[in-house]
C-alpha atoms as a PDB file:
ATOM      1  CA  UNK A   1      64.843   1.284  44.626  1.00  0.00           C
ATOM      2  CA  UNK A   2      64.009  -0.276  47.979  1.00  0.00           C
ATOM      3  CA  UNK A   3      60.576  -1.277  49.182  1.00  0.00           C
ATOM      4  CA  UNK A   4      59.036   1.142  51.638  1.00  0.00           C
ATOM      5  CA  UNK A   5      59.672   0.056  55.218  1.00  0.00           C
ATOM      6  CA  UNK A   6      59.549   1.984  58.491  1.00  0.00           C
ATOM      7  CA  UNK A   7      63.244   1.457  59.232  1.00  0.00           C
ATOM      8  CA  UNK A   8      64.246   2.627  55.732  1.00  0.00           C
ATOM      9  CA  UNK A   9      61.964   5.644  56.010  1.00  0.00           C
ATOM     10  CA  UNK A  10      63.269   6.580  59.468  1.00  0.00           C
ATOM     11  CA  UNK A  11      66.879   6.220  58.376  1.00  0.00           C
ATOM     12  CA  UNK A  12      66.486   8.526  55.399  1.00  0.00           C
ATOM     13  CA  UNK A  13      64.210  10.939  57.257  1.00  0.00           C
ATOM     14  CA  UNK A  14      66.876  11.425  59.925  1.00  0.00           C
ATOM     15  CA  UNK A  15      69.804  12.051  57.573  1.00  0.00           C
ATOM     16  CA  UNK A  16      71.178  15.553  57.371  1.00  0.00           C
ATOM     17  CA  UNK A  17      73.250  17.687  55.011  1.00  0.00           C
ATOM     18  CA  UNK A  18      73.452  21.128  53.416  1.00  0.00           C
ATOM     19  CA  UNK A  19      70.282  22.422  51.806  1.00  0.00           C
ATOM     20  CA  UNK A  20      70.364  22.607  48.016  1.00  0.00           C
ATOM     21  CA  UNK A  21      66.701  23.643  47.946  1.00  0.00           C
ATOM     22  CA  UNK A  22      65.701  25.537  51.065  1.00  0.00           C
ATOM     23  CA  UNK A  23      62.420  24.369  52.630  1.00  0.00           C
ATOM     24  CA  UNK A  24      59.539  25.809  50.635  1.00  0.00           C
ATOM     25  CA  UNK A  25      56.358  26.307  52.654  1.00  0.00           C
ATOM     26  CA  UNK A  26      53.146  26.467  50.643  1.00  0.00           C
ATOM     27  CA  UNK A  27      49.637  25.045  50.653  1.00  0.00           C
ATOM     28  CA  UNK A  28      50.043  24.193  54.340  1.00  0.00           C
ATOM     29  CA  UNK A  29      52.983  21.956  53.446  1.00  0.00           C
ATOM     30  CA  UNK A  30      56.777  21.986  53.304  1.00  0.00           C
ATOM     31  CA  UNK A  31      59.264  20.610  50.789  1.00  0.00           C
ATOM     32  CA  UNK A  32      63.059  20.870  50.716  1.00  0.00           C
ATOM     33  CA  UNK A  33      66.128  19.020  49.408  1.00  0.00           C
ATOM     34  CA  UNK A  34      69.400  18.246  51.193  1.00  0.00           C
ATOM     35  CA  UNK A  35      72.681  16.907  49.817  1.00  0.00           C
ATOM     36  CA  UNK A  36      73.744  13.810  51.766  1.00  0.00           C
ATOM     37  CA  UNK A  37      76.713  11.436  51.580  1.00  0.00           C
ATOM     38  CA  UNK A  38      75.642   7.771  51.481  1.00  0.00           C
ATOM     39  CA  UNK A  39      78.196   4.937  51.258  1.00  0.00           C
ATOM     40  CA  UNK A  40      80.738   7.395  49.909  1.00  0.00           C
ATOM     41  CA  UNK A  41      78.433   8.719  47.187  1.00  0.00           C
ATOM     42  CA  UNK A  42      76.347  11.883  46.944  1.00  0.00           C
ATOM     43  CA  UNK A  43      72.574  11.538  47.044  1.00  0.00           C
ATOM     44  CA  UNK A  44      69.785  14.081  47.279  1.00  0.00           C
ATOM     45  CA  UNK A  45      67.085  13.688  49.923  1.00  0.00           C
ATOM     46  CA  UNK A  46      63.787  15.474  49.342  1.00  0.00           C
ATOM     47  CA  UNK A  47      61.649  15.686  52.482  1.00  0.00           C
ATOM     48  CA  UNK A  48      58.047  16.780  52.461  1.00  0.00           C
ATOM     49  CA  UNK A  49      55.439  17.367  55.139  1.00  0.00           C
ATOM     50  CA  UNK A  50      51.837  17.903  54.094  1.00  0.00           C
ATOM     51  CA  UNK A  51      52.961  18.583  50.516  1.00  0.00           C
ATOM     52  CA  UNK A  52      50.372  16.820  48.372  1.00  0.00           C
ATOM     53  CA  UNK A  53      48.605  16.790  45.032  1.00  0.00           C
ATOM     54  CA  UNK A  54      45.004  15.827  44.316  1.00  0.00           C
ATOM     55  CA  UNK A  55      43.602  13.912  41.372  1.00  0.00           C
ATOM     56  CA  UNK A  56      40.611  11.773  40.432  1.00  0.00           C
ATOM     57  CA  UNK A  57      42.543   8.776  41.685  1.00  0.00           C
ATOM     58  CA  UNK A  58      43.641  10.518  44.882  1.00  0.00           C
ATOM     59  CA  UNK A  59      40.869  13.005  45.739  1.00  0.00           C
ATOM     60  CA  UNK A  60      42.042  13.267  49.361  1.00  0.00           C
ATOM     61  CA  UNK A  61      45.634  14.018  48.359  1.00  0.00           C
ATOM     62  CA  UNK A  62      48.899  12.136  47.992  1.00  0.00           C
ATOM     63  CA  UNK A  63      52.520  13.276  48.544  1.00  0.00           C
ATOM     64  CA  UNK A  64      54.023  14.707  45.366  1.00  0.00           C
ATOM     65  CA  UNK A  65      57.229  12.709  45.921  1.00  0.00           C
ATOM     66  CA  UNK A  66      55.272   9.541  45.169  1.00  0.00           C
ATOM     67  CA  UNK A  67      54.323  10.833  41.739  1.00  0.00           C
ATOM     68  CA  UNK A  68      57.861  12.087  41.109  1.00  0.00           C
ATOM     69  CA  UNK A  69      59.464   8.834  42.284  1.00  0.00           C
ATOM     70  CA  UNK A  70      57.194   6.781  40.031  1.00  0.00           C
ATOM     71  CA  UNK A  71      57.976   9.048  37.060  1.00  0.00           C
ATOM     72  CA  UNK A  72      61.733   8.794  37.640  1.00  0.00           C
ATOM     73  CA  UNK A  73      61.472   5.003  37.874  1.00  0.00           C
ATOM     74  CA  UNK A  74      59.596   4.922  34.575  1.00  0.00           C
ATOM     75  CA  UNK A  75      62.145   7.140  32.825  1.00  0.00           C
ATOM     76  CA  UNK A  76      64.896   4.858  34.094  1.00  0.00           C
ATOM     77  CA  UNK A  77      63.095   1.892  32.517  1.00  0.00           C
ATOM     78  CA  UNK A  78      62.686   3.824  29.262  1.00  0.00           C
ATOM     79  CA  UNK A  79      66.360   4.785  29.090  1.00  0.00           C
ATOM     80  CA  UNK A  80      65.573   8.492  29.449  1.00  0.00           C
ATOM     81  CA  UNK A  81      68.323  10.023  31.562  1.00  0.00           C
ATOM     82  CA  UNK A  82      67.144  11.560  34.843  1.00  0.00           C
ATOM     83  CA  UNK A  83      68.134  11.234  38.510  1.00  0.00           C
ATOM     84  CA  UNK A  84      67.824   7.569  39.432  1.00  0.00           C
ATOM     85  CA  UNK A  85      65.633   6.964  42.499  1.00  0.00           C
ATOM     86  CA  UNK A  86      67.243   5.107  45.377  1.00  0.00           C
ATOM     87  CA  UNK A  87      64.222   5.254  47.675  1.00  0.00           C
ATOM     88  CA  UNK A  88      60.813   6.889  47.843  1.00  0.00           C
ATOM     89  CA  UNK A  89      57.916   6.456  50.181  1.00  0.00           C
ATOM     90  CA  UNK A  90      55.301   8.157  52.316  1.00  0.00           C
ATOM     91  CA  UNK A  91      53.548   7.738  55.620  1.00  0.00           C
ATOM     92  CA  UNK A  92      51.036   9.585  57.770  1.00  0.00           C
ATOM     93  CA  UNK A  93      52.026  10.877  61.205  1.00  0.00           C
ATOM     94  CA  UNK A  94      49.205  12.281  63.339  1.00  0.00           C
ATOM     95  CA  UNK A  95      47.115  12.714  60.204  1.00  0.00           C
ATOM     96  CA  UNK A  96      49.818  14.593  58.216  1.00  0.00           C
ATOM     97  CA  UNK A  97      51.646  13.126  55.240  1.00  0.00           C
ATOM     98  CA  UNK A  98      55.404  12.780  55.314  1.00  0.00           C
ATOM     99  CA  UNK A  99      57.093  12.045  51.989  1.00  0.00           C
ATOM    100  CA  UNK A 100      60.640  11.101  50.993  1.00  0.00           C
ATOM    101  CA  UNK A 101      62.457  10.860  47.683  1.00  0.00           C
ATOM    102  CA  UNK A 102      66.147   9.919  47.553  1.00  0.00           C
ATOM    103  CA  UNK A 103      67.961  10.121  44.220  1.00  0.00           C
ATOM    104  CA  UNK A 104      71.475   9.467  42.986  1.00  0.00           C
ATOM    105  CA  UNK A 105      73.532  12.476  41.944  1.00  0.00           C
ATOM    106  CA  UNK A 106      73.877  13.311  38.260  1.00  0.00           C
ATOM    107  CA  UNK A 107      77.560  14.125  38.568  1.00  0.00           C
ATOM    108  CA  UNK A 108      78.978  16.845  36.301  1.00  0.00           C
ATOM    109  CA  UNK A 109      75.569  17.851  34.961  1.00  0.00           C
ATOM    110  CA  UNK A 110      74.465  21.500  35.039  1.00  0.00           C
ATOM    111  CA  UNK A 111      71.151  23.139  34.269  1.00  0.00           C
ATOM    112  CA  UNK A 112      71.029  24.231  30.654  1.00  0.00           C
ATOM    113  CA  UNK A 113      70.175  27.891  31.297  1.00  0.00           C
ATOM    114  CA  UNK A 114      73.113  28.416  33.657  1.00  0.00           C
ATOM    115  CA  UNK A 115      75.421  26.429  31.388  1.00  0.00           C
ATOM    116  CA  UNK A 116      74.500  28.584  28.380  1.00  0.00           C
ATOM    117  CA  UNK A 117      75.149  31.740  30.423  1.00  0.00           C
ATOM    118  CA  UNK A 118      78.508  30.445  31.655  1.00  0.00           C
ATOM    119  CA  UNK A 119      79.523  29.383  28.138  1.00  0.00           C
ATOM    120  CA  UNK A 120      78.431  32.650  26.508  1.00  0.00           C
ATOM    121  CA  UNK A 121      82.019  33.867  26.224  1.00  0.00           C
ATOM    122  CA  UNK A 122      83.208  30.528  24.863  1.00  0.00           C
ATOM    123  CA  UNK A 123      81.377  31.203  21.596  1.00  0.00           C
ATOM    124  CA  UNK A 124      79.741  27.848  21.006  1.00  0.00           C
ATOM    125  CA  UNK A 125      79.705  27.032  17.340  1.00  0.00           C
ATOM    126  CA  UNK A 126      76.478  26.730  15.397  1.00  0.00           C
ATOM    127  CA  UNK A 127      77.169  23.013  15.101  1.00  0.00           C
ATOM    128  CA  UNK A 128      77.351  22.794  18.910  1.00  0.00           C
ATOM    129  CA  UNK A 129      73.958  24.490  19.276  1.00  0.00           C
ATOM    130  CA  UNK A 130      72.382  22.184  16.706  1.00  0.00           C
ATOM    131  CA  UNK A 131      73.906  19.074  18.261  1.00  0.00           C
ATOM    132  CA  UNK A 132      72.431  20.005  21.662  1.00  0.00           C
ATOM    133  CA  UNK A 133      69.005  20.530  20.102  1.00  0.00           C
ATOM    134  CA  UNK A 134      69.283  17.247  18.177  1.00  0.00           C
ATOM    135  CA  UNK A 135      70.043  15.391  21.411  1.00  0.00           C
ATOM    136  CA  UNK A 136      67.155  17.125  23.180  1.00  0.00           C
ATOM    137  CA  UNK A 137      64.809  16.093  20.379  1.00  0.00           C
ATOM    138  CA  UNK A 138      65.834  12.473  20.901  1.00  0.00           C
ATOM    139  CA  UNK A 139      65.447  12.654  24.678  1.00  0.00           C
ATOM    140  CA  UNK A 140      61.968  14.190  24.662  1.00  0.00           C
ATOM    141  CA  UNK A 141      60.637  12.093  21.792  1.00  0.00           C
ATOM    142  CA  UNK A 142      61.639   8.905  23.614  1.00  0.00           C
ATOM    143  CA  UNK A 143      59.730  10.018  26.708  1.00  0.00           C
ATOM    144  CA  UNK A 144      56.687  11.145  24.765  1.00  0.00           C
ATOM    145  CA  UNK A 145      56.489   8.018  22.611  1.00  0.00           C
ATOM    146  CA  UNK A 146      55.975   6.181  25.913  1.00  0.00           C
ATOM    147  CA  UNK A 147      53.100   8.632  26.679  1.00  0.00           C
ATOM    148  CA  UNK A 148      54.946  10.142  29.657  1.00  0.00           C
ATOM    149  CA  UNK A 149      54.508  13.870  30.170  1.00  0.00           C
ATOM    150  CA  UNK A 150      57.097  15.910  32.043  1.00  0.00           C
ATOM    151  CA  UNK A 151      54.509  18.416  33.220  1.00  0.00           C
ATOM    152  CA  UNK A 152      56.815  21.388  33.867  1.00  0.00           C
ATOM    153  CA  UNK A 153      58.939  21.509  30.723  1.00  0.00           C
ATOM    154  CA  UNK A 154      61.335  24.443  30.929  1.00  0.00           C
ATOM    155  CA  UNK A 155      64.902  24.767  29.697  1.00  0.00           C
ATOM    156  CA  UNK A 156      66.043  25.183  33.329  1.00  0.00           C
ATOM    157  CA  UNK A 157      64.776  21.635  33.977  1.00  0.00           C
ATOM    158  CA  UNK A 158      67.066  20.246  31.276  1.00  0.00           C
ATOM    159  CA  UNK A 159      70.585  19.403  32.493  1.00  0.00           C
ATOM    160  CA  UNK A 160      73.672  19.023  30.339  1.00  0.00           C
ATOM    161  CA  UNK A 161      77.049  17.335  30.540  1.00  0.00           C
ATOM    162  CA  UNK A 162      79.642  18.472  27.994  1.00  0.00           C
ATOM    163  CA  UNK A 163      82.790  16.473  27.266  1.00  0.00           C
ATOM    164  CA  UNK A 164      85.579  16.716  24.737  1.00  0.00           C
ATOM    165  CA  UNK A 165      85.973  13.315  23.099  1.00  0.00           C
ATOM    166  CA  UNK A 166      89.101  14.340  21.236  1.00  0.00           C
ATOM    167  CA  UNK A 167      87.078  14.400  18.028  1.00  0.00           C
ATOM    168  CA  UNK A 168      84.800  17.239  19.089  1.00  0.00           C
ATOM    169  CA  UNK A 169      82.380  18.018  21.878  1.00  0.00           C
ATOM    170  CA  UNK A 170      79.813  15.489  23.080  1.00  0.00           C
ATOM    171  CA  UNK A 171      76.669  16.602  24.872  1.00  0.00           C
ATOM    172  CA  UNK A 172      74.549  14.419  27.147  1.00  0.00           C
ATOM    173  CA  UNK A 173      71.187  15.706  28.384  1.00  0.00           C
ATOM    174  CA  UNK A 174      69.005  14.745  31.343  1.00  0.00           C
ATOM    175  CA  UNK A 175      65.621  15.788  32.748  1.00  0.00           C
ATOM    176  CA  UNK A 176      64.939  16.970  36.296  1.00  0.00           C
ATOM    177  CA  UNK A 177      62.032  18.221  38.434  1.00  0.00           C
ATOM    178  CA  UNK A 178      59.336  15.716  37.537  1.00  0.00           C
ATOM    179  CA  UNK A 179      56.930  16.500  40.405  1.00  0.00           C
ATOM    180  CA  UNK A 180      54.130  17.116  37.896  1.00  0.00           C
ATOM    181  CA  UNK A 181      54.972  14.264  35.542  1.00  0.00           C
ATOM    182  CA  UNK A 182      52.258  11.779  34.650  1.00  0.00           C
ATOM    183  CA  UNK A 183      51.262   9.227  32.056  1.00  0.00           C
ATOM    184  CA  UNK A 184      48.860  10.396  29.357  1.00  0.00           C
ATOM    185  CA  UNK A 185      46.505   8.407  27.168  1.00  0.00           C
ATOM    186  CA  UNK A 186      48.394   9.214  23.961  1.00  0.00           C
ATOM    187  CA  UNK A 187      51.850  10.342  22.921  1.00  0.00           C
ATOM    188  CA  UNK A 188      50.301  13.397  21.259  1.00  0.00           C
ATOM    189  CA  UNK A 189      48.744  14.644  24.494  1.00  0.00           C
ATOM    190  CA  UNK A 190      52.005  14.271  26.382  1.00  0.00           C
ATOM    191  CA  UNK A 191      53.932  15.926  23.569  1.00  0.00           C
ATOM    192  CA  UNK A 192      51.657  18.923  22.958  1.00  0.00           C
ATOM    193  CA  UNK A 193      51.635  19.909  26.616  1.00  0.00           C
ATOM    194  CA  UNK A 194      55.404  19.709  27.094  1.00  0.00           C
ATOM    195  CA  UNK A 195      56.442  21.214  23.783  1.00  0.00           C
ATOM    196  CA  UNK A 196      54.118  24.191  24.234  1.00  0.00           C
ATOM    197  CA  UNK A 197      55.571  24.786  27.699  1.00  0.00           C
ATOM    198  CA  UNK A 198      59.134  24.479  26.432  1.00  0.00           C
ATOM    199  CA  UNK A 199      58.456  27.036  23.713  1.00  0.00           C
ATOM    200  CA  UNK A 200      57.170  29.549  26.277  1.00  0.00           C
ATOM    201  CA  UNK A 201      60.019  28.976  28.726  1.00  0.00           C
ATOM    202  CA  UNK A 202      63.129  28.729  26.568  1.00  0.00           C
ATOM    203  CA  UNK A 203      65.290  31.361  24.950  1.00  0.00           C
ATOM    204  CA  UNK A 204      66.164  29.758  21.621  1.00  0.00           C
ATOM    205  CA  UNK A 205      65.973  31.779  18.444  1.00  0.00           C
ATOM    206  CA  UNK A 206      63.192  31.072  15.958  1.00  0.00           C
ATOM    207  CA  UNK A 207      65.690  29.350  13.662  1.00  0.00           C
ATOM    208  CA  UNK A 208      66.944  27.082  16.435  1.00  0.00           C
ATOM    209  CA  UNK A 209      63.396  26.342  17.568  1.00  0.00           C
ATOM    210  CA  UNK A 210      62.362  25.396  14.025  1.00  0.00           C
ATOM    211  CA  UNK A 211      65.370  23.080  13.797  1.00  0.00           C
ATOM    212  CA  UNK A 212      64.462  21.428  17.120  1.00  0.00           C
ATOM    213  CA  UNK A 213      60.801  20.939  16.146  1.00  0.00           C
ATOM    214  CA  UNK A 214      61.744  19.392  12.800  1.00  0.00           C
ATOM    215  CA  UNK A 215      64.101  16.896  14.441  1.00  0.00           C
ATOM    216  CA  UNK A 216      61.711  16.222  17.306  1.00  0.00           C
ATOM    217  CA  UNK A 217      58.697  15.498  15.088  1.00  0.00           C
ATOM    218  CA  UNK A 218      60.790  13.255  12.825  1.00  0.00           C
ATOM    219  CA  UNK A 219      61.840  11.206  15.845  1.00  0.00           C
ATOM    220  CA  UNK A 220      58.356  11.204  17.365  1.00  0.00           C
ATOM    221  CA  UNK A 221      56.807  10.064  14.098  1.00  0.00           C
ATOM    222  CA  UNK A 222      54.111  12.711  13.646  1.00  0.00           C
ATOM    223  CA  UNK A 223      53.416  16.428  13.942  1.00  0.00           C
ATOM    224  CA  UNK A 224      52.515  18.026  17.250  1.00  0.00           C
ATOM    225  CA  UNK A 225      53.303  21.698  16.592  1.00  0.00           C
ATOM    226  CA  UNK A 226      50.847  23.592  14.417  1.00  0.00           C
END
């Protein structure tokens, strides 16, 4: 990731490409994502104007891309797969925040909900389902052991890449949409928040959920689900 500089910011701010997330106007701000080709590779450019969050540390507001960029950088250091940040930064223009986050493409990854729907007729085996949940348990426990909370943990924010190794299917998982991610004081606090959200916003059966929780808590090292 590059250091924030006016020429870098201007260059990314002035790029253009098809919208993959149409501009969303809310809270007197705007946020949208475009797909851009950079040096022959696909990157995603999130642009924000007046789109901020507030906290005890930033009572006057700060662009949400700064929190997301920092979270993605931390996950990269932890070895938790997520879009790798190429650039993020913010500046004020006439008193209004502008924010940028540029990330590398996660090629051949698809959101888990859509992938499950598309694969419904392929009749995934029970072993396939359990292997996906086992890998998810490893991914989330690694993040939570580092006291990092996703903040908006839904199955649609989990992305999957499925490959046939010749000896069976292999499933790689990644996390997206970390605008609300933040560090917590303990692994338990990060874990309880995310796991409770995931339970509310996922469609797994009770048996599959119980399997996931057992594997997750074993990898985390203690119980978080009552």
